[in-house]
Amino acid sequence: MKQIQLKAMAKINLGLDVIGKRPDGYHDLRMIMQTIRLFDTVTLSSTRSEGVRIKTNLRYLPTDGSNHAYQAAQMLVEEFGIGGGVFIELQKRIPVAAGLAGGSSDAAAVLVGMNRLFELGLSEQELRERGVRIGADVPYCIMRGTALAEGIGDRLTRLPNIPDCHIVIAKPDIRVSTKYVYTHLTLDENTVHPQIDAQIEAIRQGDLRRMCALCSNVLENVTVPAHSEIADLKSEMLEDGALVSMMSGSGPTVFGIFDDEDKAGKMYEKLRKKQDGTQVYLARPYFPAC
């Protein structure tokens, strides 16, 4: 039995703009994505028995064909006629349904891991082309780092690393439907769109404060009015020294970026002590070696 273990890392959106709706029902997006050092652990083992099996530390997480990690493994098993099967163990730490791409990152890790475990010889681009069949965020989760994502999120341009910083992640104890958010999003002449190009220039200049000042997520126009907890978290982080506090993806997770480790640590401890069901994490950006 061969085995491989990988880290499936979460992402946040430093900027998220919706350009419009496509004929196929999806939306055209422009987003600046950033991988953070908050991760699930994905262990893959080859097995003699055929098929894909998944075990996870979360009882409520599906382990059948509705799980993105399962779909990723099954795709490659069928395409390459892999003899035997694969056992996947997911140790989840990234909050589920949080706007942090946890499921997409798990699927990305499975694609990368299967490629190595069974020596399939696929390039990163070939893995990304397969990943988009599972979910729009999967190609980015294969690439990781700092990137501009366009289209449905699958057209990727690598950007320079953002300046190092400290990131507080807080997911309130609420659920947000991505479908609801996009269905109720209004785009008209009054919509204030994020300045994605200006933010990219700030990143290229290594200007953390300017980058943070330009952080914006157009989906907050729907999610924040529906959930006051998100607005409360944002305000609290800003009051306690965050350079910016913003919702990631369609929510409900809120992140705060700090340039001071002590302030970030105090914010983390303060939110943890609330015991209101909010999941709180302290992270830093992940910078790929390449």
Protein backbone atom coordinates (compact mmCIF):
# COMPACT_ATOMS: atom_id res chain seq x y z
CA MET A 1 0.00 0.00 0.00
CA LYS A 2 1.33 3.40 -1.01
CA GLN A 3 0.36 6.53 0.88
CA ILE A 4 0.69 10.29 0.52
CA GLN A 5 -0.39 13.18 2.77
CA LEU A 6 -1.07 16.77 1.71
CA LYS A 7 -2.29 20.04 3.18
CA ALA A 8 -5.48 21.41 1.63
CA MET A 9 -5.28 25.13 2.34
CA ALA A 10 -8.08 27.65 2.70
CA LYS A 11 -8.41 30.86 0.68
CA ILE A 12 -9.75 34.33 1.27
CA ASN A 13 -10.88 36.89 -1.29
CA LEU A 14 -8.98 40.17 -1.03
CA GLY A 15 -11.23 41.59 -3.71
CA LEU A 16 -14.40 40.15 -5.25
CA ASP A 17 -16.29 41.77 -8.10
CA VAL A 18 -19.20 40.42 -10.12
CA ILE A 19 -19.17 41.75 -13.67
CA GLY A 20 -22.48 40.30 -14.82
CA LYS A 21 -24.51 37.16 -15.41
CA ARG A 22 -23.63 34.77 -18.22
CA PRO A 23 -26.09 33.03 -20.58
CA ASP A 24 -25.30 29.70 -18.87
CA GLY A 25 -26.52 31.06 -15.51
CA TYR A 26 -23.07 31.50 -13.98
CA HIS A 27 -21.59 34.91 -13.16
CA ASP A 28 -18.48 36.54 -14.60
CA LEU A 29 -16.16 37.42 -11.75
CA ARG A 30 -12.92 39.29 -11.07
CA MET A 31 -11.35 38.26 -7.79
CA ILE A 32 -8.03 38.51 -6.02
CA MET A 33 -7.47 35.25 -4.20
CA GLN A 34 -5.02 34.53 -1.39
CA THR A 35 -4.13 31.18 0.14
CA ILE A 36 -3.81 31.17 3.92
CA ARG A 37 -2.16 28.80 6.38
CA LEU A 38 -5.38 27.24 7.61
CA PHE A 39 -5.65 23.75 6.25
CA ASP A 40 -7.30 20.33 6.18
CA THR A 41 -5.05 17.27 6.11
CA VAL A 42 -5.74 14.88 3.23
CA THR A 43 -4.20 11.39 3.33
CA LEU A 44 -4.52 9.13 0.29
CA SER A 45 -3.73 5.41 0.33
CA SER A 46 -3.83 2.97 -2.57
CA THR A 47 -5.96 -0.11 -1.87
CA ARG A 48 -6.39 -3.53 -3.40
CA SER A 49 -10.16 -3.29 -3.20
CA GLU A 50 -11.70 -1.27 -6.01
CA GLY A 51 -13.49 2.03 -5.60
CA VAL A 52 -13.14 5.24 -3.62
CA ARG A 53 -13.70 5.34 0.13
CA ILE A 54 -13.61 8.41 2.37
CA LYS A 55 -13.33 8.76 6.13
CA THR A 56 -13.62 12.14 7.86
CA ASN A 57 -13.55 13.50 11.39
CA LEU A 58 -16.88 15.31 10.83
CA ARG A 59 -19.89 13.02 11.15
CA TYR A 60 -22.17 15.31 9.14
CA LEU A 61 -19.84 15.56 6.13
CA PRO A 62 -20.97 13.34 3.21
CA THR A 63 -18.55 10.63 2.12
CA ASP A 64 -20.32 9.63 -1.09
CA GLY A 65 -20.41 11.03 -4.61
CA SER A 66 -21.64 14.41 -3.37
CA ASN A 67 -18.26 15.03 -1.71
CA HIS A 68 -15.86 17.00 -3.93
CA ALA A 69 -12.86 14.95 -2.78
CA TYR A 70 -14.70 11.76 -3.77
CA GLN A 71 -15.56 13.25 -7.17
CA ALA A 72 -11.92 14.18 -7.78
CA ALA A 73 -10.65 10.69 -7.00
CA GLN A 74 -13.39 8.96 -8.98
CA MET A 75 -12.68 11.16 -12.01
CA LEU A 76 -9.04 10.06 -12.20
CA VAL A 77 -9.79 6.41 -11.37
CA GLU A 78 -12.18 6.24 -14.32
CA GLU A 79 -10.07 8.28 -16.73
CA PHE A 80 -6.84 6.36 -16.15
CA GLY A 81 -8.31 2.96 -15.38
CA ILE A 82 -6.48 2.82 -12.07
CA GLY A 83 -6.41 -0.73 -10.76
CA GLY A 84 -7.55 -1.23 -7.20
CA GLY A 85 -8.87 1.81 -5.41
CA VAL A 86 -8.07 4.67 -3.08
CA PHE A 87 -8.85 5.40 0.57
CA ILE A 88 -9.06 9.08 1.50
CA GLU A 89 -8.88 10.33 5.07
CA LEU A 90 -9.96 13.94 5.56
CA GLN A 91 -9.04 15.68 8.78
CA LYS A 92 -11.18 18.80 8.48
CA ARG A 93 -10.13 22.04 10.11
CA ILE A 94 -11.32 24.58 7.57
CA PRO A 95 -14.91 25.53 8.48
CA VAL A 96 -17.53 23.98 6.20
CA ALA A 97 -19.73 26.18 3.96
CA ALA A 98 -17.77 29.22 5.05
CA GLY A 99 -16.59 31.00 1.89
CA LEU A 100 -13.05 29.62 2.40
CA ALA A 101 -13.09 26.96 -0.37
CA GLY A 102 -12.56 24.07 2.04
CA GLY A 103 -14.31 21.49 -0.15
CA SER A 104 -12.62 22.79 -3.30
CA SER A 105 -9.22 22.68 -1.60
CA ASP A 106 -9.82 19.08 -0.51
CA ALA A 107 -10.66 18.17 -4.12
CA ALA A 108 -7.54 19.97 -5.34
CA ALA A 109 -5.37 18.08 -2.86
CA VAL A 110 -6.88 14.79 -3.99
CA LEU A 111 -6.14 15.58 -7.65
CA VAL A 112 -2.54 16.52 -6.84
CA GLY A 113 -2.14 13.53 -4.53
CA MET A 114 -3.61 11.01 -6.98
CA ASN A 115 -1.32 12.36 -9.69
CA ARG A 116 1.72 11.68 -7.49
CA LEU A 117 0.51 8.46 -5.88
CA PHE A 118 -0.32 6.73 -9.15
CA GLU A 119 2.35 8.53 -11.25
CA LEU A 120 -0.16 9.83 -13.79
CA GLY A 121 2.21 12.46 -15.19
CA LEU A 122 -0.31 15.30 -15.36
CA SER A 123 0.96 18.87 -15.40
CA GLU A 124 -0.49 21.56 -13.13
CA GLN A 125 -2.42 22.98 -16.09
CA GLU A 126 -3.87 19.55 -16.89
CA LEU A 127 -4.91 19.12 -13.26
CA ARG A 128 -6.56 22.56 -13.30
CA GLU A 129 -8.48 21.67 -16.47
CA ARG A 130 -9.90 18.64 -14.70
CA GLY A 131 -10.51 20.48 -11.47
CA VAL A 132 -12.91 23.02 -12.98
CA ARG A 133 -15.28 20.14 -13.77
CA ILE A 134 -15.72 19.72 -10.01
CA GLY A 135 -15.92 23.36 -8.96
CA ALA A 136 -14.89 26.84 -10.07
CA ASP A 137 -12.48 27.31 -7.12
CA VAL A 138 -10.65 24.00 -7.62
CA PRO A 139 -8.18 25.26 -10.28
CA TYR A 140 -7.11 28.10 -7.99
CA CYS A 141 -6.77 25.70 -5.04
CA ILE A 142 -4.37 23.65 -7.17
CA MET A 143 -2.37 26.76 -8.09
CA ARG A 144 -2.45 28.51 -4.65
CA GLY A 145 -0.71 31.72 -3.62
CA THR A 146 -1.83 35.19 -4.75
CA ALA A 147 -3.79 35.28 -8.01
CA LEU A 148 -6.30 37.16 -10.13
CA ALA A 149 -9.23 34.87 -10.95
CA GLU A 150 -11.58 35.76 -13.80
CA GLY A 151 -14.45 34.17 -15.70
CA ILE A 152 -16.23 31.84 -13.28
CA GLY A 153 -12.98 31.84 -11.31
CA ASP A 154 -11.10 29.41 -13.55
CA ARG A 155 -9.01 31.91 -15.58
CA LEU A 156 -6.01 32.51 -13.36
CA THR A 157 -3.11 34.96 -13.43
CA ARG A 158 -0.43 34.59 -10.79
CA LEU A 159 0.38 37.79 -8.88
CA PRO A 160 3.36 38.69 -6.67
CA ASN A 161 3.12 37.59 -3.06
CA ILE A 162 1.28 40.03 -0.82
CA PRO A 163 3.29 41.47 2.08
CA ASP A 164 3.40 39.15 5.08
CA CYS A 165 0.72 39.86 7.66
CA HIS A 166 -1.45 38.31 10.37
CA ILE A 167 -4.98 37.22 9.57
CA VAL A 168 -7.81 36.56 12.02
CA ILE A 169 -10.53 34.30 10.63
CA ALA A 170 -13.98 34.24 12.24
CA LYS A 171 -16.95 32.19 11.05
CA PRO A 172 -20.15 33.06 12.93
CA ASP A 173 -22.57 30.28 13.78
CA ILE A 174 -24.85 30.92 10.80
CA ARG A 175 -25.34 29.40 7.36
CA VAL A 176 -25.34 31.37 4.12
CA SER A 177 -26.63 29.98 0.84
CA THR A 178 -24.34 30.89 -2.06
CA LYS A 179 -27.26 30.41 -4.43
CA TYR A 180 -29.36 32.86 -2.40
CA VAL A 181 -26.59 35.47 -2.44
CA TYR A 182 -26.07 35.38 -6.21
CA THR A 183 -29.81 35.20 -6.91
CA HIS A 184 -30.46 38.33 -4.86
CA LEU A 185 -27.43 40.29 -6.08
CA THR A 186 -28.43 43.46 -7.94
CA LEU A 187 -25.98 44.92 -10.44
CA ASP A 188 -26.94 48.32 -11.80
CA GLU A 189 -25.62 51.86 -12.23
CA ASN A 190 -25.62 52.32 -8.45
CA THR A 191 -23.41 49.31 -7.75
CA VAL A 192 -20.01 50.26 -6.32
CA HIS A 193 -17.51 47.83 -7.82
CA PRO A 194 -14.18 46.93 -6.20
CA GLN A 195 -11.08 48.56 -7.70
CA ILE A 196 -9.40 45.30 -8.64
CA ASP A 197 -6.75 46.81 -10.94
CA ALA A 198 -5.71 49.38 -8.35
CA GLN A 199 -5.46 46.65 -5.74
CA ILE A 200 -3.26 44.59 -8.03
CA GLU A 201 -0.95 47.59 -8.42
CA ALA A 202 -0.76 47.97 -4.62
CA ILE A 203 0.21 44.30 -4.36
CA ARG A 204 2.89 44.76 -7.03
CA GLN A 205 4.27 47.70 -5.01
CA GLY A 206 4.25 45.70 -1.78
CA ASP A 207 1.97 48.28 -0.13
CA LEU A 208 -0.03 46.35 2.48
CA ARG A 209 -2.00 49.35 3.77
CA ARG A 210 -3.01 50.45 0.28
CA MET A 211 -3.94 46.87 -0.64
CA CYS A 212 -6.14 46.65 2.48
CA ALA A 213 -7.73 50.03 1.82
CA LEU A 214 -8.85 48.68 -1.57
CA CYS A 215 -10.27 45.41 -0.25
CA SER A 216 -13.93 45.12 -1.26
CA ASN A 217 -16.49 42.36 -1.81
CA VAL A 218 -19.59 43.20 -3.83
CA LEU A 219 -21.43 40.18 -2.35
CA GLU A 220 -21.50 41.92 1.03
CA ASN A 221 -24.35 44.00 -0.44
CA VAL A 222 -26.56 40.90 -0.09
CA THR A 223 -25.09 38.92 2.80
CA VAL A 224 -24.38 41.65 5.36
CA PRO A 225 -27.91 43.13 5.47
CA ALA A 226 -29.28 39.61 5.99
CA HIS A 227 -26.88 38.73 8.82
CA SER A 228 -25.99 41.40 11.37
CA GLU A 229 -23.37 39.08 12.90
CA ILE A 230 -21.12 39.72 9.89
CA ALA A 231 -21.30 43.50 10.28
CA ASP A 232 -20.64 43.17 14.02
CA LEU A 233 -17.51 41.08 13.45
CA LYS A 234 -16.22 43.52 10.85
CA SER A 235 -16.70 46.49 13.17
CA GLU A 236 -15.07 44.74 16.10
CA MET A 237 -11.96 43.82 14.13
CA LEU A 238 -11.57 47.34 12.77
CA GLU A 239 -11.97 48.83 16.22
CA ASP A 240 -9.24 46.53 17.53
CA GLY A 241 -6.63 47.46 14.93
CA ALA A 242 -7.33 45.53 11.73
CA LEU A 243 -6.20 47.30 8.56
CA VAL A 244 -9.28 45.85 6.90
CA SER A 245 -12.08 43.49 7.83
CA MET A 246 -14.13 41.87 5.09
CA MET A 247 -16.32 38.90 4.26
CA SER A 248 -14.72 36.12 2.24
CA GLY A 249 -16.60 34.76 -0.76
CA SER A 250 -20.36 34.69 -0.23
CA GLY A 251 -19.79 34.40 3.51
CA PRO A 252 -20.37 34.08 6.30
CA THR A 253 -16.68 34.06 7.29
CA VAL A 254 -15.09 37.41 8.15
CA PHE A 255 -11.35 38.00 8.10
CA GLY A 256 -9.24 40.80 9.50
CA ILE A 257 -5.75 41.66 8.27
CA PHE A 258 -3.32 43.00 10.88
CA ASP A 259 0.22 44.32 10.47
CA ASP A 260 0.84 43.83 14.19
CA GLU A 261 1.13 40.30 15.59
CA ASP A 262 0.18 41.35 19.11
CA LYS A 263 -3.03 43.04 17.97
CA ALA A 264 -3.98 40.02 15.90
CA GLY A 265 -3.35 37.70 18.84
CA LYS A 266 -5.47 39.82 21.17
CA MET A 267 -8.30 39.91 18.62
CA TYR A 268 -8.13 36.13 18.26
CA GLU A 269 -8.30 35.58 22.03
CA LYS A 270 -11.12 38.10 22.43
CA LEU A 271 -13.30 36.38 19.84
CA ARG A 272 -12.55 32.92 21.25
CA LYS A 273 -13.74 33.95 24.72
CA LYS A 274 -17.19 34.90 23.44
CA GLN A 275 -18.34 31.26 23.26
CA ASP A 276 -21.17 32.18 20.88
CA GLY A 277 -20.43 29.43 18.39
CA THR A 278 -18.05 31.51 16.27
CA GLN A 279 -15.13 29.48 14.93
CA VAL A 280 -11.94 31.53 15.23
CA TYR A 281 -8.51 30.95 13.71
CA LEU A 282 -5.22 32.82 13.45
CA ALA A 283 -3.37 32.45 10.16
CA ARG A 284 -0.81 34.00 7.82
CA PRO A 285 -0.59 34.10 4.03
CA TYR A 286 0.79 31.07 2.24
CA PHE A 287 3.51 31.81 -0.31
CA PRO A 288 4.33 29.05 -2.84
CA ALA A 289 7.99 28.26 -3.34
CA CYS A 290 7.76 28.99 -7.07
